[in-house]
Protein backbone atom coordinates (compact mmCIF):
# COMPACT_ATOMS: atom_id res chain seq x y z
CA UNK A 1 0.00 0.00 0.00
CA UNK A 2 1.32 3.46 -0.89
CA UNK A 3 0.97 6.04 1.91
CA UNK A 4 -1.19 9.04 1.12
CA UNK A 5 0.62 12.40 0.72
CA UNK A 6 -0.97 13.68 3.95
CA UNK A 7 0.43 10.76 5.96
CA UNK A 8 3.91 11.03 4.48
CA UNK A 9 3.78 14.82 5.01
CA UNK A 10 2.99 14.51 8.71
CA UNK A 11 5.62 11.79 9.12
CA UNK A 12 8.20 14.15 7.58
CA UNK A 13 7.18 16.96 9.98
CA UNK A 14 7.42 14.61 12.97
CA UNK A 15 10.90 13.50 11.86
CA UNK A 16 12.00 17.14 11.45
CA UNK A 17 10.79 17.93 14.98
CA UNK A 18 12.49 14.82 16.42
CA UNK A 19 15.77 15.68 14.68
CA UNK A 20 15.67 19.23 16.06
CA UNK A 21 14.88 18.04 19.59
CA UNK A 22 17.65 15.41 19.48
CA UNK A 23 20.13 18.18 18.62
CA UNK A 24 18.76 20.53 21.31
CA UNK A 25 19.00 17.86 24.01
CA UNK A 26 22.12 16.10 22.65
CA UNK A 27 20.38 12.72 22.75
CA UNK A 28 19.78 10.02 20.13
CA UNK A 29 16.58 10.45 18.11
CA UNK A 30 15.54 6.96 19.27
CA UNK A 31 15.00 8.38 22.80
CA UNK A 32 12.26 10.72 21.55
CA UNK A 33 8.63 9.60 21.36
CA UNK A 34 5.62 11.17 19.67
CA UNK A 35 2.92 11.95 22.23
CA UNK A 36 0.41 13.44 19.79
CA UNK A 37 -0.01 15.38 16.59
CA UNK A 38 -3.07 17.59 16.25
CA UNK A 39 -4.31 19.47 13.19
CA UNK A 40 -4.74 23.16 14.07
CA UNK A 41 -5.19 26.61 12.57
CA UNK A 42 -2.49 29.04 13.73
CA UNK A 43 -3.53 32.70 14.03
CA UNK A 44 -0.61 33.96 11.92
CA UNK A 45 2.46 32.82 9.99
CA UNK A 46 4.53 32.67 13.23
CA UNK A 47 2.56 29.46 13.91
CA UNK A 48 1.60 31.09 17.24
CA UNK A 49 5.22 30.96 18.32
CA UNK A 50 6.66 34.38 17.41
CA UNK A 51 10.38 35.05 17.60
CA UNK A 52 11.66 38.45 18.81
CA UNK A 53 12.43 40.93 16.04
CA UNK A 54 10.52 39.03 13.34
CA UNK A 55 7.48 40.19 11.34
CA UNK A 56 4.76 37.73 10.38
CA UNK A 57 1.86 37.62 7.96
CA UNK A 58 -1.46 38.02 9.77
CA UNK A 59 -3.20 35.11 8.06
CA UNK A 60 -4.76 31.92 9.37
CA UNK A 61 -2.11 29.25 8.79
CA UNK A 62 -3.20 25.59 8.80
CA UNK A 63 -0.74 23.18 10.36
CA UNK A 64 -0.04 20.84 13.25
CA UNK A 65 0.82 20.90 16.95
CA UNK A 66 3.41 18.18 17.55
CA UNK A 67 4.00 17.05 21.11
CA UNK A 68 7.14 15.01 21.77
CA UNK A 69 8.44 13.34 24.94
CA UNK A 70 12.08 12.86 25.89
CA UNK A 71 13.61 12.08 29.28
CA UNK A 72 10.22 12.44 30.99
CA UNK A 73 9.66 15.98 29.64
CA UNK A 74 7.23 17.07 26.94
CA UNK A 75 8.31 19.42 24.16
CA UNK A 76 6.02 21.27 21.79
CA UNK A 77 6.58 21.97 18.11
CA UNK A 78 4.36 23.91 15.73
CA UNK A 79 4.32 23.34 11.98
CA UNK A 80 2.64 24.45 8.83
CA UNK A 81 1.12 21.77 6.61
CA UNK A 82 4.19 20.74 4.66
CA UNK A 83 7.68 22.08 5.30
CA UNK A 84 8.25 24.21 8.39
CA UNK A 85 8.60 23.13 12.03
CA UNK A 86 9.41 25.42 14.95
CA UNK A 87 10.20 24.60 18.60
CA UNK A 88 7.74 26.44 20.79
CA UNK A 89 8.50 26.68 24.49
CA UNK A 90 6.03 29.51 25.15
CA UNK A 91 2.80 28.68 23.35
CA UNK A 92 -0.87 29.54 23.58
CA UNK A 93 -3.55 26.91 22.96
CA UNK A 94 -4.16 26.63 19.19
CA UNK A 95 -7.52 26.94 17.49
CA UNK A 96 -8.84 23.64 16.18
CA UNK A 97 -9.96 23.72 12.54
CA UNK A 98 -13.63 24.23 11.81
CA UNK A 99 -15.38 21.05 10.60
C-alpha atoms as a PDB file:
ATOM      1  CA  UNK A   1       0.000   0.000   0.000  1.00  0.00           C
ATOM      2  CA  UNK A   2       1.316   3.462  -0.888  1.00  0.00           C
ATOM      3  CA  UNK A   3       0.968   6.040   1.913  1.00  0.00           C
ATOM      4  CA  UNK A   4      -1.185   9.043   1.120  1.00  0.00           C
ATOM      5  CA  UNK A   5       0.621  12.397   0.723  1.00  0.00           C
ATOM      6  CA  UNK A   6      -0.973  13.684   3.955  1.00  0.00           C
ATOM      7  CA  UNK A   7       0.431  10.759   5.956  1.00  0.00           C
ATOM      8  CA  UNK A   8       3.911  11.026   4.480  1.00  0.00           C
ATOM      9  CA  UNK A   9       3.779  14.818   5.006  1.00  0.00           C
ATOM     10  CA  UNK A  10       2.993  14.514   8.705  1.00  0.00           C
ATOM     11  CA  UNK A  11       5.624  11.793   9.116  1.00  0.00           C
ATOM     12  CA  UNK A  12       8.201  14.149   7.584  1.00  0.00           C
ATOM     13  CA  UNK A  13       7.179  16.960   9.975  1.00  0.00           C
ATOM     14  CA  UNK A  14       7.422  14.609  12.966  1.00  0.00           C
ATOM     15  CA  UNK A  15      10.899  13.501  11.859  1.00  0.00           C
ATOM     16  CA  UNK A  16      12.004  17.135  11.452  1.00  0.00           C
ATOM     17  CA  UNK A  17      10.792  17.925  14.979  1.00  0.00           C
ATOM     18  CA  UNK A  18      12.488  14.825  16.420  1.00  0.00           C
ATOM     19  CA  UNK A  19      15.772  15.681  14.683  1.00  0.00           C
ATOM     20  CA  UNK A  20      15.671  19.233  16.059  1.00  0.00           C
ATOM     21  CA  UNK A  21      14.883  18.042  19.592  1.00  0.00           C
ATOM     22  CA  UNK A  22      17.646  15.414  19.477  1.00  0.00           C
ATOM     23  CA  UNK A  23      20.126  18.181  18.616  1.00  0.00           C
ATOM     24  CA  UNK A  24      18.758  20.532  21.308  1.00  0.00           C
ATOM     25  CA  UNK A  25      19.004  17.858  24.011  1.00  0.00           C
ATOM     26  CA  UNK A  26      22.125  16.102  22.646  1.00  0.00           C
ATOM     27  CA  UNK A  27      20.382  12.721  22.749  1.00  0.00           C
ATOM     28  CA  UNK A  28      19.779  10.019  20.133  1.00  0.00           C
ATOM     29  CA  UNK A  29      16.585  10.452  18.112  1.00  0.00           C
ATOM     30  CA  UNK A  30      15.540   6.960  19.270  1.00  0.00           C
ATOM     31  CA  UNK A  31      14.999   8.376  22.803  1.00  0.00           C
ATOM     32  CA  UNK A  32      12.256  10.721  21.547  1.00  0.00           C
ATOM     33  CA  UNK A  33       8.629   9.602  21.360  1.00  0.00           C
ATOM     34  CA  UNK A  34       5.624  11.166  19.666  1.00  0.00           C
ATOM     35  CA  UNK A  35       2.921  11.947  22.227  1.00  0.00           C
ATOM     36  CA  UNK A  36       0.405  13.437  19.791  1.00  0.00           C
ATOM     37  CA  UNK A  37      -0.011  15.376  16.588  1.00  0.00           C
ATOM     38  CA  UNK A  38      -3.067  17.594  16.252  1.00  0.00           C
ATOM     39  CA  UNK A  39      -4.306  19.473  13.195  1.00  0.00           C
ATOM     40  CA  UNK A  40      -4.736  23.161  14.075  1.00  0.00           C
ATOM     41  CA  UNK A  41      -5.189  26.614  12.567  1.00  0.00           C
ATOM     42  CA  UNK A  42      -2.492  29.036  13.733  1.00  0.00           C
ATOM     43  CA  UNK A  43      -3.531  32.701  14.034  1.00  0.00           C
ATOM     44  CA  UNK A  44      -0.611  33.959  11.922  1.00  0.00           C
ATOM     45  CA  UNK A  45       2.462  32.818   9.991  1.00  0.00           C
ATOM     46  CA  UNK A  46       4.530  32.667  13.228  1.00  0.00           C
ATOM     47  CA  UNK A  47       2.564  29.458  13.914  1.00  0.00           C
ATOM     48  CA  UNK A  48       1.597  31.088  17.238  1.00  0.00           C
ATOM     49  CA  UNK A  49       5.224  30.961  18.317  1.00  0.00           C
ATOM     50  CA  UNK A  50       6.656  34.384  17.407  1.00  0.00           C
ATOM     51  CA  UNK A  51      10.379  35.049  17.599  1.00  0.00           C
ATOM     52  CA  UNK A  52      11.661  38.451  18.806  1.00  0.00           C
ATOM     53  CA  UNK A  53      12.429  40.932  16.039  1.00  0.00           C
ATOM     54  CA  UNK A  54      10.517  39.029  13.344  1.00  0.00           C
ATOM     55  CA  UNK A  55       7.483  40.189  11.338  1.00  0.00           C
ATOM     56  CA  UNK A  56       4.756  37.727  10.376  1.00  0.00           C
ATOM     57  CA  UNK A  57       1.856  37.616   7.956  1.00  0.00           C
ATOM     58  CA  UNK A  58      -1.461  38.019   9.767  1.00  0.00           C
ATOM     59  CA  UNK A  59      -3.202  35.112   8.057  1.00  0.00           C
ATOM     60  CA  UNK A  60      -4.758  31.921   9.371  1.00  0.00           C
ATOM     61  CA  UNK A  61      -2.110  29.245   8.793  1.00  0.00           C
ATOM     62  CA  UNK A  62      -3.196  25.588   8.795  1.00  0.00           C
ATOM     63  CA  UNK A  63      -0.740  23.180  10.361  1.00  0.00           C
ATOM     64  CA  UNK A  64      -0.040  20.837  13.252  1.00  0.00           C
ATOM     65  CA  UNK A  65       0.822  20.900  16.951  1.00  0.00           C
ATOM     66  CA  UNK A  66       3.408  18.179  17.548  1.00  0.00           C
ATOM     67  CA  UNK A  67       3.999  17.048  21.114  1.00  0.00           C
ATOM     68  CA  UNK A  68       7.142  15.010  21.765  1.00  0.00           C
ATOM     69  CA  UNK A  69       8.443  13.344  24.940  1.00  0.00           C
ATOM     70  CA  UNK A  70      12.078  12.864  25.886  1.00  0.00           C
ATOM     71  CA  UNK A  71      13.606  12.083  29.283  1.00  0.00           C
ATOM     72  CA  UNK A  72      10.224  12.445  30.995  1.00  0.00           C
ATOM     73  CA  UNK A  73       9.663  15.981  29.641  1.00  0.00           C
ATOM     74  CA  UNK A  74       7.231  17.071  26.940  1.00  0.00           C
ATOM     75  CA  UNK A  75       8.315  19.418  24.160  1.00  0.00           C
ATOM     76  CA  UNK A  76       6.021  21.273  21.787  1.00  0.00           C
ATOM     77  CA  UNK A  77       6.578  21.967  18.106  1.00  0.00           C
ATOM     78  CA  UNK A  78       4.361  23.908  15.730  1.00  0.00           C
ATOM     79  CA  UNK A  79       4.324  23.343  11.982  1.00  0.00           C
ATOM     80  CA  UNK A  80       2.639  24.451   8.829  1.00  0.00           C
ATOM     81  CA  UNK A  81       1.121  21.770   6.605  1.00  0.00           C
ATOM     82  CA  UNK A  82       4.189  20.743   4.657  1.00  0.00           C
ATOM     83  CA  UNK A  83       7.677  22.083   5.295  1.00  0.00           C
ATOM     84  CA  UNK A  84       8.246  24.215   8.385  1.00  0.00           C
ATOM     85  CA  UNK A  85       8.605  23.131  12.026  1.00  0.00           C
ATOM     86  CA  UNK A  86       9.409  25.420  14.950  1.00  0.00           C
ATOM     87  CA  UNK A  87      10.204  24.598  18.598  1.00  0.00           C
ATOM     88  CA  UNK A  88       7.738  26.443  20.794  1.00  0.00           C
ATOM     89  CA  UNK A  89       8.497  26.685  24.493  1.00  0.00           C
ATOM     90  CA  UNK A  90       6.028  29.505  25.148  1.00  0.00           C
ATOM     91  CA  UNK A  91       2.800  28.682  23.347  1.00  0.00           C
ATOM     92  CA  UNK A  92      -0.871  29.537  23.578  1.00  0.00           C
ATOM     93  CA  UNK A  93      -3.549  26.910  22.965  1.00  0.00           C
ATOM     94  CA  UNK A  94      -4.156  26.631  19.191  1.00  0.00           C
ATOM     95  CA  UNK A  95      -7.516  26.942  17.486  1.00  0.00           C
ATOM     96  CA  UNK A  96      -8.843  23.643  16.184  1.00  0.00           C
ATOM     97  CA  UNK A  97      -9.964  23.715  12.539  1.00  0.00           C
ATOM     98  CA  UNK A  98     -13.631  24.235  11.810  1.00  0.00           C
ATOM     99  CA  UNK A  99     -15.382  21.049  10.605  1.00  0.00           C
END
